[in-house]
Amino acid sequence: MTREEESILIAQVQNGERASFEKLVLDNQTKVYNLALRMVGSEQDAYDMSQEAFIKAYNSIALFRGDSRFSVWLYRLTTNVCLDFLRSEGRRAHGSLTYISEEEDEKELEIPDDRFSPETLMEKKDLREAINKGLMSLPKDYRAILLLREIDGLSYEEIAEALSLEEGTVKSRIFRARKRLCTILTEDGNFSQGLSSKKAKGV
């Protein structure tokens, strides 16, 4: 859906046409659900969080001004709903992380694809599980910001919009979150000390 088509539907919803909101839900439900699932871990909880996020979106759509994409606005609502849920329940999510990429002089973690020998595939599986475990041990706010950047591919500007943060704050938090994750992986023996500031291939 183009931004123009999205804007038309939003205007229709703001004018009371509920059917148009259903189209917005259909266009965004997979992204919202996947984000919720990575945050809270449970499929049922992710479904509930998705529903709550869309309900909040519908009830507050009159406040949407179109300064950002509707999907980015939904990311903000979904992230906040999930963080509130995790804080209230005191739970640790068991999401999934395909890869964590780093920029400039930071460590980069790469998960090899499936076209390898059984031994390499096992190593890849172990590394993915280690990264996932490390991610889940991060504070919830760090986890959320890494997911938006590394999995959902949002820009710094979009993350700032989604989380109501300054862009500089987003960059510094992502840096700290990546550094903490790398420290966790190094301490767990998944990376050597010599790789702490270099690119690691995950093999």
Protein backbone atom coordinates (compact mmCIF):
# COMPACT_ATOMS: atom_id res chain seq x y z
CA MET A 1 0.00 0.00 0.00
CA THR A 2 1.39 3.40 -0.96
CA ARG A 3 1.49 6.27 1.49
CA GLU A 4 -1.12 8.10 -0.57
CA GLU A 5 -3.50 5.13 -0.41
CA GLU A 6 -2.81 4.86 3.29
CA SER A 7 -3.61 8.54 3.82
CA ILE A 8 -6.90 8.19 2.00
CA LEU A 9 -7.95 5.26 4.15
CA ILE A 10 -6.94 7.06 7.34
CA ALA A 11 -8.98 10.10 6.34
CA GLN A 12 -11.96 7.83 5.68
CA VAL A 13 -11.60 6.21 9.10
CA GLN A 14 -11.37 9.60 10.73
CA ASN A 15 -14.65 10.42 9.00
CA GLY A 16 -16.30 7.36 10.51
CA GLU A 17 -15.84 4.71 7.82
CA ARG A 18 -14.92 1.61 9.86
CA ALA A 19 -14.49 -0.59 6.79
CA SER A 20 -11.44 1.44 5.79
CA PHE A 21 -9.78 0.62 9.10
CA GLU A 22 -10.16 -3.07 8.32
CA LYS A 23 -8.06 -2.52 5.21
CA LEU A 24 -5.37 -0.85 7.30
CA VAL A 25 -5.43 -3.79 9.69
CA LEU A 26 -5.04 -6.30 6.86
CA ASP A 27 -2.09 -4.37 5.47
CA ASN A 28 -0.29 -4.20 8.83
CA GLN A 29 -1.43 -7.17 10.88
CA THR A 30 1.51 -9.44 10.03
CA LYS A 31 4.12 -6.83 10.93
CA VAL A 32 2.34 -5.95 14.16
CA TYR A 33 1.92 -9.58 15.17
CA ASN A 34 5.55 -10.45 14.39
CA LEU A 35 6.81 -7.52 16.47
CA ALA A 36 4.53 -8.51 19.35
CA LEU A 37 5.66 -12.14 19.12
CA ARG A 38 9.33 -11.18 19.30
CA MET A 39 8.59 -8.98 22.29
CA VAL A 40 6.40 -11.27 24.40
CA GLY A 41 7.28 -14.73 23.10
CA SER A 42 3.89 -16.43 23.43
CA GLU A 43 1.72 -16.74 20.33
CA GLN A 44 -1.47 -16.21 22.32
CA ASP A 45 -0.05 -13.20 24.14
CA ALA A 46 1.23 -11.80 20.85
CA TYR A 47 -2.26 -12.16 19.38
CA ASP A 48 -3.74 -10.36 22.38
CA MET A 49 -1.15 -7.60 22.22
CA SER A 50 -1.80 -7.17 18.49
CA GLN A 51 -5.51 -6.85 19.10
CA GLU A 52 -4.93 -4.33 21.86
CA ALA A 53 -2.61 -2.29 19.66
CA PHE A 54 -5.17 -2.13 16.85
CA ILE A 55 -7.93 -1.20 19.29
CA LYS A 56 -5.77 1.62 20.62
CA ALA A 57 -5.01 2.68 17.05
CA TYR A 58 -8.69 2.80 16.13
CA ASN A 59 -9.67 4.68 19.28
CA SER A 60 -6.94 7.28 18.82
CA ILE A 61 -6.75 7.54 15.05
CA ALA A 62 -8.25 11.02 15.21
CA LEU A 63 -4.91 12.10 16.71
CA PHE A 64 -2.89 10.67 13.82
CA ARG A 65 -1.53 13.58 11.79
CA GLY A 66 0.36 11.72 9.11
CA ASP A 67 3.80 13.00 10.09
CA SER A 68 5.07 9.43 9.79
CA ARG A 69 3.92 6.24 8.12
CA PHE A 70 0.92 4.62 9.76
CA SER A 71 3.01 1.49 10.27
CA VAL A 72 5.57 3.44 12.32
CA TRP A 73 2.76 4.82 14.47
CA LEU A 74 1.51 1.26 14.94
CA TYR A 75 5.00 0.14 15.94
CA ARG A 76 4.93 2.72 18.72
CA LEU A 77 1.57 1.51 19.98
CA THR A 78 2.56 -2.14 19.72
CA THR A 79 5.90 -1.64 21.45
CA ASN A 80 4.30 0.29 24.30
CA VAL A 81 1.56 -2.32 24.73
CA CYS A 82 4.14 -5.12 24.85
CA LEU A 83 6.44 -3.28 27.24
CA ASP A 84 3.53 -2.59 29.58
CA PHE A 85 2.58 -6.26 29.40
CA LEU A 86 6.11 -7.46 30.13
CA ARG A 87 6.49 -5.07 33.05
CA SER A 88 3.16 -6.03 34.57
CA GLU A 89 3.70 -9.76 34.14
CA GLY A 90 7.40 -9.74 34.98
CA ARG A 91 8.00 -12.06 32.05
CA ARG A 92 10.93 -12.65 29.79
CA ALA A 93 10.00 -13.05 26.16
CA HIS A 94 11.37 -15.88 24.04
CA GLY A 95 11.45 -14.18 20.65
CA SER A 96 13.63 -14.92 17.69
CA LEU A 97 16.49 -13.00 16.16
CA THR A 98 17.74 -13.70 12.68
CA TYR A 99 20.81 -11.50 12.95
CA ILE A 100 22.31 -8.52 14.70
CA SER A 101 24.33 -6.30 12.44
CA GLU A 102 26.73 -3.66 13.65
CA GLU A 103 28.00 -0.52 11.99
CA GLU A 104 31.45 1.06 11.72
CA ASP A 105 33.78 -0.41 14.37
CA GLU A 106 31.15 -2.38 16.22
CA LYS A 107 30.88 -6.17 16.16
CA GLU A 108 28.73 -7.71 13.48
CA LEU A 109 27.00 -11.03 13.95
CA GLU A 110 26.06 -12.97 10.86
CA ILE A 111 23.98 -16.14 10.72
CA PRO A 112 24.95 -18.36 7.76
CA ASP A 113 22.18 -19.65 5.53
CA ASP A 114 21.02 -23.26 5.29
CA ARG A 115 23.23 -24.28 2.38
CA PHE A 116 25.98 -25.77 4.51
CA SER A 117 27.12 -29.06 5.96
CA PRO A 118 25.30 -30.58 8.98
CA GLU A 119 28.19 -29.51 11.21
CA THR A 120 27.97 -25.91 10.07
CA LEU A 121 24.19 -25.95 10.35
CA MET A 122 24.49 -27.12 13.95
CA GLU A 123 26.94 -24.33 14.68
CA LYS A 124 24.55 -21.87 13.08
CA LYS A 125 21.71 -23.17 15.20
CA ASP A 126 23.79 -22.90 18.37
CA LEU A 127 24.82 -19.35 17.50
CA ARG A 128 21.26 -18.31 16.75
CA GLU A 129 20.15 -19.72 20.09
CA ALA A 130 23.01 -17.94 21.86
CA ILE A 131 22.13 -14.62 20.22
CA ASN A 132 18.48 -15.15 21.05
CA LYS A 133 19.32 -15.95 24.68
CA GLY A 134 21.52 -12.87 24.87
CA LEU A 135 18.81 -10.69 23.40
CA MET A 136 16.30 -11.99 25.92
CA SER A 137 18.65 -11.12 28.76
CA LEU A 138 18.77 -7.48 27.70
CA PRO A 139 16.58 -4.89 29.40
CA LYS A 140 13.20 -4.68 27.68
CA ASP A 141 13.85 -1.21 26.28
CA TYR A 142 17.14 -2.34 24.72
CA ARG A 143 15.45 -5.41 23.28
CA ALA A 144 12.69 -3.30 21.74
CA ILE A 145 15.05 -0.86 20.09
CA LEU A 146 17.23 -3.64 18.63
CA LEU A 147 14.20 -5.43 17.23
CA LEU A 148 12.95 -2.28 15.52
CA ARG A 149 16.38 -1.59 14.03
CA GLU A 150 17.74 -5.03 13.16
CA ILE A 151 14.65 -7.09 12.46
CA ASP A 152 12.06 -4.60 11.26
CA GLY A 153 14.63 -2.41 9.53
CA LEU A 154 13.40 0.95 10.75
CA SER A 155 15.65 3.95 10.28
CA TYR A 156 16.93 5.91 13.27
CA GLU A 157 14.39 8.60 12.46
CA GLU A 158 11.53 6.11 12.34
CA ILE A 159 12.59 4.50 15.62
CA ALA A 160 12.76 7.93 17.22
CA GLU A 161 9.21 8.56 16.01
CA ALA A 162 8.00 5.13 17.12
CA LEU A 163 9.49 5.35 20.62
CA SER A 164 9.12 9.12 21.13
CA LEU A 165 12.87 9.62 21.49
CA GLU A 166 15.44 12.00 20.10
CA GLU A 167 17.36 10.52 17.17
CA GLY A 168 20.62 10.94 19.06
CA THR A 169 19.17 9.00 21.97
CA VAL A 170 18.15 6.21 19.61
CA LYS A 171 21.68 5.92 18.22
CA SER A 172 23.29 5.87 21.66
CA ARG A 173 20.83 3.28 22.99
CA ILE A 174 21.34 1.03 19.99
CA PHE A 175 25.10 1.32 20.47
CA ARG A 176 24.82 0.46 24.18
CA ALA A 177 22.39 -2.38 23.48
CA ARG A 178 24.70 -3.90 20.85
CA LYS A 179 27.71 -3.50 23.14
CA ARG A 180 25.91 -5.19 26.01
CA LEU A 181 24.77 -8.03 23.76
CA CYS A 182 28.33 -8.55 22.51
CA THR A 183 29.59 -8.57 26.10
CA ILE A 184 27.02 -11.20 27.03
CA LEU A 185 27.99 -13.37 24.07
CA THR A 186 31.70 -13.01 24.85
CA GLU A 187 31.22 -13.89 28.52
CA ASP A 188 29.18 -16.94 27.51
CA GLY A 189 32.05 -18.13 25.32
CA ASN A 190 30.35 -17.50 21.97
CA PHE A 191 33.00 -14.95 20.94
CA SER A 192 36.60 -14.57 21.94
CA GLN A 193 37.90 -11.41 23.57
CA GLY A 194 39.81 -10.65 20.39
CA LEU A 195 36.59 -10.36 18.46
CA SER A 196 34.94 -7.90 20.82
CA SER A 197 35.44 -4.97 18.44
CA LYS A 198 35.76 -6.86 15.18
CA LYS A 199 33.42 -8.54 12.74
CA ALA A 200 32.47 -12.07 13.77
CA LYS A 201 31.19 -14.47 11.17
CA GLY A 202 29.35 -16.74 13.58
CA VAL A 203 31.17 -19.90 12.47
